[in-house]
Amino acid sequence: MGLDNFWKKSFDSEEIFDLEFDPPLKLCGGLFSAHGSDSFRGKVYAEFIEEVSGFSIYRDLNNEEVHKISEKLNNYKEFKESDEISLKEFEDLKRMFKAYAESDAVLIAWY
């Protein structure tokens, strides 16, 4: 089963929340998702994020949970580049979660 994740300002919001990143994020996108700025292909990163943070992105996450994931990613020192996730993707995941945590965003799971 596929998973795309979308950023929103609140669970009630109809609009996707899009922040600008410089340089642009280069995460895996999907048929219905972009490459990190407003959405990403969650299935690619779900196992890694859960391993690092203890949170599943297969469910909607409130801003407090997004903050906790951001903290865990930023404090993670055991990263080893693998076939699934490159160092660049890891750095972009950290930048993305930090920016959206600081913007009070929530993460929506869609599959």
N, C-alpha and C. Protein backbone atom coordinates (compact mmCIF):
# COMPACT_ATOMS: atom_id res chain seq x y z
N MET A 1 0.85 -1.18 0.00
CA MET A 1 0.00 0.00 0.00
C MET A 1 0.89 1.23 0.00
N GLY A 2 0.50 2.25 -0.76
CA GLY A 2 1.27 3.48 -0.85
C GLY A 2 0.94 4.43 0.28
N LEU A 3 1.80 5.40 0.47
CA LEU A 3 1.58 6.43 1.48
C LEU A 3 2.16 7.73 0.96
N ASP A 4 1.34 8.76 0.91
CA ASP A 4 1.79 10.12 0.65
C ASP A 4 1.46 10.93 1.90
N ASN A 5 2.34 11.86 2.26
CA ASN A 5 2.11 12.71 3.42
C ASN A 5 2.06 14.17 2.96
N PHE A 6 1.09 14.90 3.51
CA PHE A 6 0.86 16.29 3.14
C PHE A 6 0.92 17.17 4.38
N TRP A 7 1.50 18.36 4.23
CA TRP A 7 1.56 19.34 5.32
C TRP A 7 0.36 20.25 5.24
N LYS A 8 -0.24 20.53 6.40
CA LYS A 8 -1.36 21.48 6.50
C LYS A 8 -1.17 22.34 7.73
N LYS A 9 -1.82 23.50 7.75
CA LYS A 9 -1.75 24.39 8.91
C LYS A 9 -2.55 23.82 10.08
N SER A 10 -3.60 23.07 9.79
CA SER A 10 -4.41 22.46 10.83
C SER A 10 -5.13 21.26 10.24
N PHE A 11 -5.67 20.42 11.09
CA PHE A 11 -6.42 19.26 10.61
C PHE A 11 -7.69 19.69 9.87
N ASP A 12 -8.23 20.86 10.22
CA ASP A 12 -9.46 21.35 9.59
C ASP A 12 -9.22 22.05 8.25
N SER A 13 -7.99 22.40 7.97
CA SER A 13 -7.67 23.14 6.76
C SER A 13 -7.90 22.29 5.51
N GLU A 14 -8.43 22.93 4.48
CA GLU A 14 -8.61 22.25 3.20
C GLU A 14 -7.38 22.39 2.31
N GLU A 15 -6.54 23.39 2.60
CA GLU A 15 -5.41 23.69 1.74
C GLU A 15 -4.12 23.03 2.23
N ILE A 16 -3.31 22.61 1.28
CA ILE A 16 -1.98 22.10 1.57
C ILE A 16 -1.11 23.30 1.96
N PHE A 17 -0.24 23.12 2.93
CA PHE A 17 0.64 24.18 3.43
C PHE A 17 2.01 24.01 2.77
N ASP A 18 2.46 25.03 2.07
CA ASP A 18 3.69 24.94 1.29
C ASP A 18 4.69 26.00 1.74
N LEU A 19 5.83 25.56 2.25
CA LEU A 19 6.92 26.47 2.60
C LEU A 19 7.96 26.46 1.49
N GLU A 20 8.69 27.56 1.36
CA GLU A 20 9.79 27.65 0.39
C GLU A 20 11.08 27.19 1.07
N PHE A 21 11.86 26.40 0.38
CA PHE A 21 13.15 25.93 0.90
C PHE A 21 14.26 26.32 -0.07
N ASP A 22 15.35 26.81 0.49
CA ASP A 22 16.49 27.20 -0.33
C ASP A 22 17.74 26.59 0.29
N PRO A 23 18.34 25.61 -0.34
CA PRO A 23 17.98 25.04 -1.63
C PRO A 23 16.71 24.19 -1.52
N PRO A 24 16.05 23.94 -2.65
CA PRO A 24 14.83 23.14 -2.63
C PRO A 24 15.08 21.74 -2.06
N LEU A 25 14.06 21.20 -1.41
CA LEU A 25 14.13 19.83 -0.91
C LEU A 25 14.12 18.86 -2.08
N LYS A 26 14.81 17.76 -1.92
CA LYS A 26 14.84 16.73 -2.97
C LYS A 26 14.53 15.38 -2.35
N LEU A 27 13.29 15.27 -1.87
CA LEU A 27 12.81 14.01 -1.32
C LEU A 27 12.01 13.28 -2.38
N CYS A 28 11.75 12.02 -2.16
CA CYS A 28 10.99 11.23 -3.11
C CYS A 28 9.54 11.72 -3.15
N GLY A 29 9.06 11.97 -4.35
CA GLY A 29 7.67 12.34 -4.55
C GLY A 29 6.92 11.15 -5.13
N GLY A 30 5.63 11.27 -5.19
CA GLY A 30 4.81 10.20 -5.72
C GLY A 30 3.86 10.72 -6.77
N LEU A 31 2.96 9.86 -7.18
CA LEU A 31 1.97 10.24 -8.18
C LEU A 31 1.11 11.39 -7.69
N PHE A 32 0.84 11.43 -6.40
CA PHE A 32 -0.02 12.46 -5.84
C PHE A 32 0.71 13.39 -4.87
N SER A 33 2.03 13.27 -4.80
CA SER A 33 2.78 14.11 -3.86
C SER A 33 4.00 14.72 -4.53
N ALA A 34 4.50 15.79 -3.91
CA ALA A 34 5.65 16.51 -4.42
C ALA A 34 6.94 15.93 -3.81
N HIS A 35 7.97 16.74 -3.76
CA HIS A 35 9.27 16.27 -3.33
C HIS A 35 9.71 16.89 -2.01
N GLY A 36 8.75 17.21 -1.13
CA GLY A 36 9.08 17.64 0.21
C GLY A 36 8.55 18.99 0.62
N SER A 37 8.39 19.93 -0.32
CA SER A 37 7.99 21.27 0.11
C SER A 37 6.58 21.30 0.68
N ASP A 38 5.63 20.62 0.09
CA ASP A 38 4.28 20.57 0.65
C ASP A 38 3.80 19.14 0.89
N SER A 39 4.52 18.18 0.34
CA SER A 39 4.17 16.77 0.49
C SER A 39 5.36 15.91 0.07
N PHE A 40 5.27 14.63 0.40
CA PHE A 40 6.34 13.71 0.03
C PHE A 40 5.81 12.29 0.04
N ARG A 41 6.55 11.40 -0.58
CA ARG A 41 6.19 9.99 -0.66
C ARG A 41 6.57 9.33 0.66
N GLY A 42 5.62 9.28 1.57
CA GLY A 42 5.89 8.81 2.92
C GLY A 42 6.35 7.38 3.02
N LYS A 43 5.87 6.53 2.13
CA LYS A 43 6.23 5.11 2.20
C LYS A 43 7.75 4.91 2.15
N VAL A 44 8.44 5.77 1.42
CA VAL A 44 9.89 5.66 1.28
C VAL A 44 10.60 5.93 2.60
N TYR A 45 10.04 6.82 3.43
CA TYR A 45 10.71 7.27 4.65
C TYR A 45 10.07 6.76 5.94
N ALA A 46 8.92 6.11 5.85
CA ALA A 46 8.15 5.72 7.04
C ALA A 46 8.94 4.84 8.00
N GLU A 47 9.58 3.81 7.49
CA GLU A 47 10.30 2.88 8.36
C GLU A 47 11.45 3.60 9.06
N PHE A 48 12.20 4.41 8.32
CA PHE A 48 13.32 5.15 8.92
C PHE A 48 12.84 6.13 9.98
N ILE A 49 11.80 6.90 9.68
CA ILE A 49 11.28 7.88 10.63
C ILE A 49 10.78 7.19 11.89
N GLU A 50 10.10 6.06 11.73
CA GLU A 50 9.61 5.35 12.92
C GLU A 50 10.77 4.77 13.73
N GLU A 51 11.79 4.26 13.05
CA GLU A 51 12.95 3.72 13.76
C GLU A 51 13.65 4.82 14.58
N VAL A 52 13.78 6.01 14.02
CA VAL A 52 14.49 7.10 14.69
C VAL A 52 13.64 7.75 15.77
N SER A 53 12.34 7.95 15.48
CA SER A 53 11.51 8.76 16.36
C SER A 53 10.49 7.99 17.20
N GLY A 54 10.13 6.80 16.75
CA GLY A 54 9.07 6.06 17.42
C GLY A 54 7.68 6.43 16.94
N PHE A 55 7.58 7.34 15.98
CA PHE A 55 6.28 7.78 15.45
C PHE A 55 6.06 7.21 14.06
N SER A 56 4.85 6.72 13.82
CA SER A 56 4.47 6.25 12.50
C SER A 56 3.87 7.41 11.71
N ILE A 57 4.33 7.59 10.47
CA ILE A 57 3.73 8.62 9.61
C ILE A 57 2.59 8.02 8.78
N TYR A 58 2.16 6.82 9.13
CA TYR A 58 0.98 6.21 8.52
C TYR A 58 -0.30 6.70 9.20
N ARG A 59 -0.17 7.69 10.06
CA ARG A 59 -1.34 8.32 10.68
C ARG A 59 -1.10 9.82 10.74
N ASP A 60 -2.16 10.58 10.92
CA ASP A 60 -2.03 12.04 11.04
C ASP A 60 -1.27 12.38 12.32
N LEU A 61 -0.41 13.38 12.23
CA LEU A 61 0.40 13.79 13.37
C LEU A 61 0.15 15.26 13.70
N ASN A 62 -0.07 15.54 14.98
CA ASN A 62 -0.26 16.93 15.39
C ASN A 62 1.10 17.64 15.45
N ASN A 63 1.09 18.95 15.70
CA ASN A 63 2.33 19.71 15.68
C ASN A 63 3.29 19.29 16.78
N GLU A 64 2.78 18.92 17.93
CA GLU A 64 3.66 18.46 19.01
C GLU A 64 4.44 17.21 18.56
N GLU A 65 3.77 16.30 17.88
CA GLU A 65 4.43 15.10 17.38
C GLU A 65 5.44 15.44 16.28
N VAL A 66 5.10 16.40 15.42
CA VAL A 66 6.03 16.85 14.38
C VAL A 66 7.29 17.43 15.04
N HIS A 67 7.11 18.21 16.11
CA HIS A 67 8.25 18.74 16.86
C HIS A 67 9.12 17.61 17.40
N LYS A 68 8.51 16.59 17.96
CA LYS A 68 9.27 15.48 18.54
C LYS A 68 10.05 14.72 17.47
N ILE A 69 9.43 14.53 16.30
CA ILE A 69 10.15 13.88 15.20
C ILE A 69 11.33 14.75 14.77
N SER A 70 11.10 16.04 14.65
CA SER A 70 12.17 16.96 14.27
C SER A 70 13.35 16.87 15.25
N GLU A 71 13.05 16.88 16.53
CA GLU A 71 14.10 16.78 17.55
C GLU A 71 14.87 15.46 17.43
N LYS A 72 14.13 14.37 17.25
CA LYS A 72 14.78 13.06 17.13
C LYS A 72 15.67 12.99 15.89
N LEU A 73 15.18 13.52 14.76
CA LEU A 73 15.99 13.53 13.55
C LEU A 73 17.25 14.37 13.73
N ASN A 74 17.11 15.54 14.33
CA ASN A 74 18.25 16.43 14.50
C ASN A 74 19.27 15.89 15.50
N ASN A 75 18.84 15.04 16.42
CA ASN A 75 19.75 14.46 17.41
C ASN A 75 20.28 13.09 17.01
N TYR A 76 19.84 12.57 15.87
CA TYR A 76 20.22 11.23 15.45
C TYR A 76 21.65 11.23 14.91
N LYS A 77 22.52 10.49 15.55
CA LYS A 77 23.94 10.48 15.19
C LYS A 77 24.38 9.20 14.51
N GLU A 78 23.52 8.18 14.46
CA GLU A 78 23.92 6.88 13.92
C GLU A 78 23.60 6.71 12.44
N PHE A 79 23.31 7.78 11.73
CA PHE A 79 22.90 7.65 10.34
C PHE A 79 24.01 7.01 9.51
N LYS A 80 23.61 6.01 8.72
CA LYS A 80 24.48 5.38 7.75
C LYS A 80 23.74 5.39 6.42
N GLU A 81 24.38 5.93 5.42
CA GLU A 81 23.73 6.00 4.11
C GLU A 81 23.40 4.59 3.63
N SER A 82 22.16 4.43 3.17
CA SER A 82 21.71 3.13 2.70
C SER A 82 21.17 3.28 1.28
N ASP A 83 20.77 2.17 0.71
CA ASP A 83 20.19 2.21 -0.62
C ASP A 83 18.86 2.95 -0.62
N GLU A 84 18.15 2.95 0.52
CA GLU A 84 16.83 3.55 0.58
C GLU A 84 16.89 5.06 0.83
N ILE A 85 17.79 5.48 1.71
CA ILE A 85 17.83 6.89 2.10
C ILE A 85 19.27 7.39 2.01
N SER A 86 19.47 8.42 1.22
CA SER A 86 20.80 9.00 1.09
C SER A 86 21.05 10.03 2.19
N LEU A 87 22.28 10.44 2.34
CA LEU A 87 22.62 11.49 3.30
C LEU A 87 21.88 12.78 2.95
N LYS A 88 21.77 13.10 1.67
CA LYS A 88 21.05 14.31 1.23
C LYS A 88 19.57 14.22 1.65
N GLU A 89 18.96 13.06 1.47
CA GLU A 89 17.56 12.90 1.88
C GLU A 89 17.42 13.04 3.39
N PHE A 90 18.36 12.47 4.15
CA PHE A 90 18.33 12.60 5.60
C PHE A 90 18.42 14.06 6.01
N GLU A 91 19.34 14.80 5.40
CA GLU A 91 19.47 16.24 5.70
C GLU A 91 18.20 17.00 5.32
N ASP A 92 17.59 16.64 4.20
CA ASP A 92 16.35 17.30 3.77
C ASP A 92 15.18 16.94 4.69
N LEU A 93 15.12 15.71 5.17
CA LEU A 93 14.08 15.34 6.15
C LEU A 93 14.22 16.20 7.41
N LYS A 94 15.45 16.38 7.88
CA LYS A 94 15.67 17.21 9.06
C LYS A 94 15.23 18.65 8.81
N ARG A 95 15.61 19.21 7.66
CA ARG A 95 15.22 20.60 7.35
C ARG A 95 13.71 20.74 7.23
N MET A 96 13.08 19.77 6.56
CA MET A 96 11.63 19.83 6.35
C MET A 96 10.88 19.74 7.67
N PHE A 97 11.18 18.74 8.49
CA PHE A 97 10.45 18.58 9.76
C PHE A 97 10.69 19.78 10.68
N LYS A 98 11.90 20.32 10.70
CA LYS A 98 12.18 21.48 11.55
C LYS A 98 11.37 22.69 11.10
N ALA A 99 11.37 22.97 9.81
CA ALA A 99 10.64 24.14 9.29
C ALA A 99 9.14 24.02 9.53
N TYR A 100 8.57 22.85 9.29
CA TYR A 100 7.14 22.69 9.49
C TYR A 100 6.78 22.63 10.97
N ALA A 101 7.66 22.10 11.81
CA ALA A 101 7.42 22.12 13.25
C ALA A 101 7.36 23.57 13.73
N GLU A 102 8.31 24.38 13.29
CA GLU A 102 8.37 25.78 13.70
C GLU A 102 7.21 26.61 13.13
N SER A 103 6.59 26.13 12.06
CA SER A 103 5.45 26.82 11.44
C SER A 103 4.11 26.32 11.95
N ASP A 104 4.13 25.50 12.99
CA ASP A 104 2.92 24.95 13.62
C ASP A 104 2.08 24.08 12.69
N ALA A 105 2.72 23.41 11.75
CA ALA A 105 2.02 22.56 10.80
C ALA A 105 1.69 21.19 11.39
N VAL A 106 0.74 20.53 10.76
CA VAL A 106 0.41 19.13 11.07
C VAL A 106 0.73 18.30 9.82
N LEU A 107 0.91 17.01 10.01
CA LEU A 107 1.23 16.12 8.90
C LEU A 107 0.07 15.15 8.68
N ILE A 108 -0.42 15.12 7.46
CA ILE A 108 -1.57 14.29 7.09
C ILE A 108 -1.09 13.06 6.32
N ALA A 109 -1.57 11.90 6.72
CA ALA A 109 -1.27 10.64 6.02
C ALA A 109 -2.39 10.34 5.05
N TRP A 110 -2.03 10.01 3.82
CA TRP A 110 -3.02 9.66 2.81
C TRP A 110 -2.55 8.40 2.08
N TYR A 111 -3.39 7.38 2.10
CA TYR A 111 -3.07 6.13 1.39
C TYR A 111 -4.32 5.38 1.06
